[in-house]
N, C-alpha and C. Protein backbone atom coordinates (compact mmCIF):
# COMPACT_ATOMS: atom_id res chain seq x y z
N MET A 1 38.48 -24.03 -44.31
CA MET A 1 40.00 -24.45 -44.01
C MET A 1 40.66 -24.54 -45.41
N ASP A 2 41.88 -23.60 -45.44
CA ASP A 2 43.03 -24.10 -46.62
C ASP A 2 43.75 -24.75 -46.33
N ALA A 3 43.82 -25.27 -47.56
CA ALA A 3 44.63 -27.45 -47.54
C ALA A 3 45.43 -27.54 -48.66
N LEU A 4 46.26 -27.93 -48.94
CA LEU A 4 46.89 -28.33 -49.82
C LEU A 4 46.40 -29.08 -50.69
N LEU A 5 46.33 -28.84 -51.95
CA LEU A 5 45.57 -30.06 -52.80
C LEU A 5 45.92 -30.90 -53.54
N VAL A 6 45.32 -32.08 -53.61
CA VAL A 6 45.92 -32.96 -54.19
C VAL A 6 45.35 -34.28 -54.94
N GLY A 7 45.35 -34.00 -56.27
CA GLY A 7 44.87 -34.99 -57.34
C GLY A 7 44.87 -35.99 -57.98
N ILE A 8 44.58 -37.19 -57.86
CA ILE A 8 44.80 -38.03 -58.72
C ILE A 8 43.96 -38.22 -59.76
N ASP A 9 44.62 -38.56 -60.73
CA ASP A 9 43.86 -39.33 -62.26
C ASP A 9 44.03 -40.08 -62.05
N VAL A 10 43.02 -41.71 -62.15
CA VAL A 10 43.42 -42.94 -61.60
C VAL A 10 43.71 -43.60 -63.43
N GLY A 11 44.77 -44.28 -63.28
CA GLY A 11 44.88 -45.00 -64.76
C GLY A 11 44.88 -46.37 -64.45
N CYS A 12 45.12 -46.65 -65.70
CA CYS A 12 45.72 -48.55 -65.59
C CYS A 12 46.65 -49.12 -65.71
N ARG A 13 47.21 -48.22 -66.33
CA ARG A 13 49.20 -48.75 -66.02
C ARG A 13 49.94 -47.93 -65.12
N LYS A 14 49.70 -46.22 -64.85
CA LYS A 14 49.99 -45.19 -64.15
C LYS A 14 48.75 -44.11 -63.57
N HIS A 15 48.94 -43.68 -62.46
CA HIS A 15 48.39 -42.63 -62.11
C HIS A 15 48.90 -41.23 -62.30
N ARG A 16 48.27 -40.24 -62.69
CA ARG A 16 48.94 -38.87 -62.39
C ARG A 16 48.40 -37.69 -61.71
N VAL A 17 49.24 -37.11 -60.63
CA VAL A 17 49.00 -36.77 -59.77
C VAL A 17 49.51 -35.27 -59.78
N ALA A 18 48.83 -34.29 -59.03
CA ALA A 18 49.03 -33.02 -59.31
C ALA A 18 48.82 -32.52 -57.59
N ILE A 19 50.13 -31.29 -57.57
CA ILE A 19 49.80 -30.94 -56.08
C ILE A 19 49.44 -29.28 -56.31
N GLY A 20 48.89 -28.72 -55.28
CA GLY A 20 48.53 -27.47 -55.74
C GLY A 20 47.77 -26.73 -54.61
N MET A 21 48.05 -25.67 -54.60
CA MET A 21 47.92 -24.23 -53.07
C MET A 21 46.81 -24.18 -53.57
N PRO A 22 45.73 -23.77 -52.30
CA PRO A 22 44.14 -23.31 -51.83
C PRO A 22 44.22 -22.14 -53.62
N ASP A 23 44.65 -21.03 -53.75
CA ASP A 23 44.81 -20.16 -54.57
C ASP A 23 45.11 -20.59 -56.19
N GLY A 24 45.44 -22.07 -56.43
CA GLY A 24 45.56 -22.54 -57.39
C GLY A 24 46.90 -22.74 -58.17
N GLU A 25 47.49 -22.49 -57.91
CA GLU A 25 49.25 -22.40 -57.69
C GLU A 25 49.76 -23.67 -57.81
N LEU A 26 50.10 -24.69 -58.95
CA LEU A 26 50.55 -25.73 -59.25
C LEU A 26 51.75 -25.72 -58.72
N LEU A 27 52.18 -26.76 -57.60
CA LEU A 27 53.19 -26.80 -57.10
C LEU A 27 54.21 -28.50 -58.09
N GLU A 28 53.49 -29.00 -58.13
CA GLU A 28 54.14 -29.86 -58.79
C GLU A 28 53.47 -31.37 -59.45
N GLN A 29 53.59 -31.49 -60.76
CA GLN A 29 52.85 -32.89 -61.47
C GLN A 29 54.05 -34.64 -61.34
N PHE A 30 53.21 -35.02 -60.93
CA PHE A 30 53.62 -36.57 -61.62
C PHE A 30 53.06 -37.92 -61.50
N ASP A 31 54.00 -38.78 -62.44
CA ASP A 31 53.35 -40.27 -62.53
C ASP A 31 53.28 -41.18 -61.47
N LEU A 32 52.47 -41.23 -61.26
CA LEU A 32 52.62 -42.85 -60.23
C LEU A 32 52.45 -43.80 -60.28
N THR A 33 53.35 -44.81 -60.23
CA THR A 33 53.47 -46.12 -60.49
C THR A 33 52.49 -47.23 -60.25
N HIS A 34 52.30 -47.98 -60.26
CA HIS A 34 51.62 -49.47 -59.40
C HIS A 34 52.67 -50.01 -58.23
N GLN A 35 53.61 -50.13 -58.02
CA GLN A 35 54.90 -50.32 -57.33
C GLN A 35 54.78 -49.63 -55.83
N PRO A 36 55.17 -50.44 -54.94
CA PRO A 36 55.51 -49.76 -53.74
C PRO A 36 56.26 -49.23 -53.92
N ALA A 37 56.95 -48.75 -54.74
CA ALA A 37 58.22 -47.39 -55.18
C ALA A 37 57.47 -46.30 -55.87
N GLY A 38 56.67 -46.35 -56.30
CA GLY A 38 55.51 -45.61 -56.40
C GLY A 38 55.07 -44.51 -55.15
N SER A 39 54.22 -45.42 -54.59
CA SER A 39 53.42 -45.02 -53.46
C SER A 39 54.54 -44.77 -52.39
N ASP A 40 55.38 -44.85 -52.07
CA ASP A 40 56.65 -44.17 -51.43
C ASP A 40 56.99 -43.39 -52.59
N ASP A 41 56.93 -42.48 -53.16
CA ASP A 41 57.25 -41.42 -53.82
C ASP A 41 56.20 -40.48 -53.83
N PHE A 42 54.90 -40.76 -53.66
CA PHE A 42 53.89 -40.32 -53.77
C PHE A 42 53.97 -39.52 -52.24
N PHE A 43 53.52 -40.17 -50.73
CA PHE A 43 53.92 -39.97 -50.00
C PHE A 43 54.71 -38.75 -49.46
N LYS A 44 55.82 -38.58 -50.02
CA LYS A 44 57.21 -38.29 -49.40
C LYS A 44 57.17 -36.75 -50.24
N ARG A 45 56.64 -36.80 -51.23
CA ARG A 45 55.70 -35.73 -52.02
C ARG A 45 55.42 -34.98 -51.51
N VAL A 46 53.83 -35.24 -51.11
CA VAL A 46 52.75 -35.05 -50.43
C VAL A 46 53.26 -34.20 -49.29
N GLU A 47 54.13 -35.10 -48.84
CA GLU A 47 54.63 -34.87 -46.58
C GLU A 47 55.76 -33.24 -47.42
N LYS A 48 56.31 -33.72 -48.02
CA LYS A 48 57.13 -32.19 -48.54
C LYS A 48 56.54 -31.16 -48.62
N GLN A 49 55.76 -31.29 -49.74
CA GLN A 49 54.68 -29.95 -49.89
C GLN A 49 53.99 -29.41 -48.74
N ALA A 50 53.59 -30.43 -48.07
CA ALA A 50 52.57 -30.00 -46.85
C ALA A 50 53.60 -29.52 -46.15
N LEU A 51 54.75 -29.65 -45.57
CA LEU A 51 55.52 -28.90 -44.86
C LEU A 51 55.89 -27.41 -45.33
N LEU A 52 56.36 -27.59 -46.23
CA LEU A 52 57.03 -26.02 -46.92
C LEU A 52 55.60 -25.38 -46.92
N ALA A 53 54.36 -26.06 -47.24
CA ALA A 53 53.29 -25.15 -47.12
C ALA A 53 52.54 -24.95 -46.14
N LYS A 54 52.79 -25.44 -44.57
CA LYS A 54 52.41 -25.19 -43.55
C LYS A 54 50.40 -25.38 -43.31
N LEU A 55 50.39 -26.14 -44.25
CA LEU A 55 48.94 -26.84 -44.46
C LEU A 55 48.78 -28.15 -44.53
N PRO A 56 47.43 -28.38 -43.83
CA PRO A 56 47.29 -30.05 -43.62
C PRO A 56 46.52 -30.39 -45.20
N VAL A 57 46.55 -31.83 -45.29
CA VAL A 57 46.66 -31.95 -47.25
C VAL A 57 44.66 -32.50 -47.05
N SER A 58 44.77 -31.98 -48.45
CA SER A 58 43.60 -32.77 -48.61
C SER A 58 43.70 -33.28 -50.57
N ILE A 59 43.09 -34.33 -50.27
CA ILE A 59 43.33 -35.80 -51.76
C ILE A 59 41.89 -36.13 -52.06
N GLY A 60 41.62 -36.24 -53.24
CA GLY A 60 40.76 -36.10 -54.14
C GLY A 60 40.91 -36.82 -55.61
N MET A 61 40.40 -37.84 -55.40
CA MET A 61 40.37 -39.01 -57.36
C MET A 61 39.80 -39.61 -57.39
N GLU A 62 39.88 -39.79 -58.55
CA GLU A 62 38.40 -39.99 -59.00
C GLU A 62 37.74 -41.48 -58.66
N GLY A 63 36.69 -42.15 -58.99
CA GLY A 63 36.51 -43.04 -58.42
C GLY A 63 36.43 -44.99 -59.11
N TYR A 64 36.42 -45.47 -58.75
CA TYR A 64 36.47 -46.66 -60.01
C TYR A 64 35.25 -46.53 -60.93
N GLY A 65 35.28 -47.33 -62.05
CA GLY A 65 34.89 -47.36 -63.28
C GLY A 65 34.90 -46.32 -64.07
N GLY A 66 36.20 -46.04 -64.59
CA GLY A 66 36.86 -45.31 -65.44
C GLY A 66 37.28 -46.76 -66.54
N TRP A 67 38.62 -46.22 -66.85
CA TRP A 67 39.30 -47.04 -68.06
C TRP A 67 39.25 -48.52 -68.01
N ALA A 68 39.59 -48.69 -66.31
CA ALA A 68 40.54 -50.22 -66.18
C ALA A 68 38.68 -51.08 -66.50
N ARG A 69 37.56 -50.83 -65.87
CA ARG A 69 36.58 -51.10 -66.01
C ARG A 69 36.00 -51.59 -66.94
N VAL A 70 36.47 -50.60 -68.06
CA VAL A 70 35.78 -50.78 -69.50
C VAL A 70 36.39 -51.95 -70.17
N GLY A 71 37.48 -52.44 -69.84
CA GLY A 71 38.31 -53.43 -70.28
C GLY A 71 39.48 -52.91 -71.37
N HIS A 72 39.94 -51.37 -70.87
CA HIS A 72 40.51 -50.94 -72.05
C HIS A 72 41.77 -50.95 -71.44
N CYS A 73 42.12 -51.56 -70.42
CA CYS A 73 43.51 -52.30 -69.97
C CYS A 73 44.16 -52.98 -70.29
């Protein structure tokens, strides 16, 4: 089943988000802040793109263990 693809690159100060189509077309990229407004913006953007594409959403993000864990933040 095709889905709108959302990838999240986790960072200690902000996260980077990419939203794309199943064929690889990149629709949008943006930074996600750690404040509540950042989460609100994230969900609004994903919902808008999902409605336009008429597709369910699949989200992938890197797991815990990167920069924040080794003390770079």
